[in-house]
Amino acid sequence: MQILITEIERLRKDLNNTVEKLQKAGYEKANTEYTYRIALVKELLKLRDGVLPATLTNDVARENEEIAKFKFNRDVAETMYQSTLEKLRAVKI
């Protein structure tokens, strides 16, 4: 019986820690999405003010190395959020 109580307590702590990690991952996900979108919009506006046709600005902006890095960071944050969410689900089960 004591082993069961100890295991339940350990899992409860793990659940609480995972919830905290999920909160941090959610904030990081939102922050990287914000950063990416702001940088993309700035790049799009810069390209539209230039001589580049409006139909090409989306493709050219996304190929910018800085924008691509922001998108990479956004995708990593999304993956971290999803993996933390999956861990939370596993611990709950």
C-alpha atoms as a PDB file:
ATOM      1  CA  MET A   1       0.000   0.000   0.000  1.00  0.00           C
ATOM      2  CA  GLN A   2       2.841   2.398   0.850  1.00  0.00           C
ATOM      3  CA  ILE A   3       4.417   1.775  -2.560  1.00  0.00           C
ATOM      4  CA  LEU A   4       1.148   2.722  -4.265  1.00  0.00           C
ATOM      5  CA  ILE A   5       0.839   5.937  -2.250  1.00  0.00           C
ATOM      6  CA  THR A   6       4.447   6.826  -3.045  1.00  0.00           C
ATOM      7  CA  GLU A   7       3.876   6.203  -6.760  1.00  0.00           C
ATOM      8  CA  ILE A   8       0.687   8.315  -6.779  1.00  0.00           C
ATOM      9  CA  GLU A   9       2.542  11.159  -5.062  1.00  0.00           C
ATOM     10  CA  ARG A  10       5.390  10.944  -7.602  1.00  0.00           C
ATOM     11  CA  LEU A  11       2.935  11.016 -10.502  1.00  0.00           C
ATOM     12  CA  ARG A  12       1.066  13.962  -8.973  1.00  0.00           C
ATOM     13  CA  LYS A  13       4.323  15.914  -8.760  1.00  0.00           C
ATOM     14  CA  ASP A  14       5.189  14.933 -12.323  1.00  0.00           C
ATOM     15  CA  LEU A  15       1.747  16.086 -13.447  1.00  0.00           C
ATOM     16  CA  ASN A  16       2.171  19.465 -11.736  1.00  0.00           C
ATOM     17  CA  ASN A  17       5.659  19.912 -13.217  1.00  0.00           C
ATOM     18  CA  THR A  18       4.359  19.038 -16.670  1.00  0.00           C
ATOM     19  CA  VAL A  19       1.541  21.580 -16.352  1.00  0.00           C
ATOM     20  CA  GLU A  20       4.126  24.252 -15.493  1.00  0.00           C
ATOM     21  CA  LYS A  21       6.252  23.199 -18.473  1.00  0.00           C
ATOM     22  CA  LEU A  22       3.166  23.349 -20.692  1.00  0.00           C
ATOM     23  CA  GLN A  23       2.490  26.909 -19.560  1.00  0.00           C
ATOM     24  CA  LYS A  24       6.053  27.921 -20.394  1.00  0.00           C
ATOM     25  CA  ALA A  25       5.940  26.098 -23.724  1.00  0.00           C
ATOM     26  CA  GLY A  26       2.626  27.781 -24.547  1.00  0.00           C
ATOM     27  CA  TYR A  27       4.092  31.205 -23.829  1.00  0.00           C
ATOM     28  CA  GLU A  28       7.180  30.431 -25.907  1.00  0.00           C
ATOM     29  CA  LYS A  29       4.983  29.154 -28.756  1.00  0.00           C
ATOM     30  CA  ALA A  30       2.908  32.326 -28.755  1.00  0.00           C
ATOM     31  CA  ASN A  31       5.983  34.547 -28.495  1.00  0.00           C
ATOM     32  CA  THR A  32       7.776  32.896 -31.413  1.00  0.00           C
ATOM     33  CA  GLU A  33       4.588  33.053 -33.523  1.00  0.00           C
ATOM     34  CA  TYR A  34       4.323  36.775 -32.743  1.00  0.00           C
ATOM     35  CA  THR A  35       7.977  37.393 -33.613  1.00  0.00           C
ATOM     36  CA  TYR A  36       7.683  35.468 -36.876  1.00  0.00           C
ATOM     37  CA  ARG A  37       4.522  37.251 -37.996  1.00  0.00           C
ATOM     38  CA  ILE A  38       5.863  40.712 -37.184  1.00  0.00           C
ATOM     39  CA  ALA A  39       9.110  40.034 -39.064  1.00  0.00           C
ATOM     40  CA  LEU A  40       7.197  38.585 -42.020  1.00  0.00           C
ATOM     41  CA  VAL A  41       4.868  41.578 -42.249  1.00  0.00           C
ATOM     42  CA  LYS A  42       7.790  44.002 -42.090  1.00  0.00           C
ATOM     43  CA  GLU A  43       9.552  42.113 -44.868  1.00  0.00           C
ATOM     44  CA  LEU A  44       6.386  41.996 -46.983  1.00  0.00           C
ATOM     45  CA  LEU A  45       5.848  45.724 -46.603  1.00  0.00           C
ATOM     46  CA  LYS A  46       9.477  46.411 -47.464  1.00  0.00           C
ATOM     47  CA  LEU A  47       9.227  44.274 -50.601  1.00  0.00           C
ATOM     48  CA  ARG A  48       5.917  45.825 -51.662  1.00  0.00           C
ATOM     49  CA  ASP A  49       7.423  49.293 -51.399  1.00  0.00           C
ATOM     50  CA  GLY A  50      10.173  48.194 -53.772  1.00  0.00           C
ATOM     51  CA  VAL A  51       9.920  47.280 -57.399  1.00  0.00           C
ATOM     52  CA  LEU A  52       8.949  43.672 -56.786  1.00  0.00           C
ATOM     53  CA  PRO A  53       5.503  42.682 -58.092  1.00  0.00           C
ATOM     54  CA  ALA A  54       2.972  42.042 -55.321  1.00  0.00           C
ATOM     55  CA  THR A  55       2.401  38.489 -56.549  1.00  0.00           C
ATOM     56  CA  LEU A  56       6.001  37.547 -55.744  1.00  0.00           C
ATOM     57  CA  THR A  57       6.392  39.224 -52.351  1.00  0.00           C
ATOM     58  CA  ASN A  58       5.071  36.288 -50.298  1.00  0.00           C
ATOM     59  CA  ASP A  59       7.506  33.796 -51.807  1.00  0.00           C
ATOM     60  CA  VAL A  60      10.482  36.149 -51.702  1.00  0.00           C
ATOM     61  CA  ALA A  61       9.788  37.232 -48.119  1.00  0.00           C
ATOM     62  CA  ARG A  62       9.625  33.642 -46.867  1.00  0.00           C
ATOM     63  CA  GLU A  63      12.946  32.836 -48.521  1.00  0.00           C
ATOM     64  CA  ASN A  64      14.701  35.571 -46.554  1.00  0.00           C
ATOM     65  CA  GLU A  65      17.168  33.883 -44.189  1.00  0.00           C
ATOM     66  CA  GLU A  66      16.089  35.917 -41.162  1.00  0.00           C
ATOM     67  CA  ILE A  67      12.408  35.167 -41.774  1.00  0.00           C
ATOM     68  CA  ALA A  68      13.209  31.483 -42.275  1.00  0.00           C
ATOM     69  CA  LYS A  69      15.002  31.426 -38.921  1.00  0.00           C
ATOM     70  CA  PHE A  70      11.984  32.978 -37.203  1.00  0.00           C
ATOM     71  CA  LYS A  71       9.769  30.355 -38.836  1.00  0.00           C
ATOM     72  CA  PHE A  72      12.141  27.590 -37.703  1.00  0.00           C
ATOM     73  CA  ASN A  73      12.017  28.888 -34.130  1.00  0.00           C
ATOM     74  CA  ARG A  74       8.233  29.016 -34.343  1.00  0.00           C
ATOM     75  CA  ASP A  75       8.088  25.419 -35.552  1.00  0.00           C
ATOM     76  CA  VAL A  76      10.429  24.254 -32.789  1.00  0.00           C
ATOM     77  CA  ALA A  77       8.287  26.000 -30.173  1.00  0.00           C
ATOM     78  CA  GLU A  78       5.179  24.342 -31.618  1.00  0.00           C
ATOM     79  CA  THR A  79       6.852  20.933 -31.420  1.00  0.00           C
ATOM     80  CA  MET A  80       7.933  21.521 -27.824  1.00  0.00           C
ATOM     81  CA  TYR A  81       4.400  22.575 -26.900  1.00  0.00           C
ATOM     82  CA  GLN A  82       2.868  19.508 -28.542  1.00  0.00           C
ATOM     83  CA  SER A  83       5.358  17.107 -26.950  1.00  0.00           C
ATOM     84  CA  THR A  84       4.732  18.636 -23.519  1.00  0.00           C
ATOM     85  CA  LEU A  85       0.995  18.317 -24.082  1.00  0.00           C
ATOM     86  CA  GLU A  86       1.433  14.653 -25.009  1.00  0.00           C
ATOM     87  CA  LYS A  87       3.489  14.061 -21.864  1.00  0.00           C
ATOM     88  CA  LEU A  88       0.723  15.665 -19.817  1.00  0.00           C
ATOM     89  CA  ARG A  89      -1.821  13.336 -21.395  1.00  0.00           C
ATOM     90  CA  ALA A  90       0.389  10.311 -20.734  1.00  0.00           C
ATOM     91  CA  VAL A  91       0.895  11.226 -17.078  1.00  0.00           C
ATOM     92  CA  LYS A  92      -2.854  11.747 -16.627  1.00  0.00           C
ATOM     93  CA  ILE A  93      -3.548   8.258 -17.937  1.00  0.00           C
END
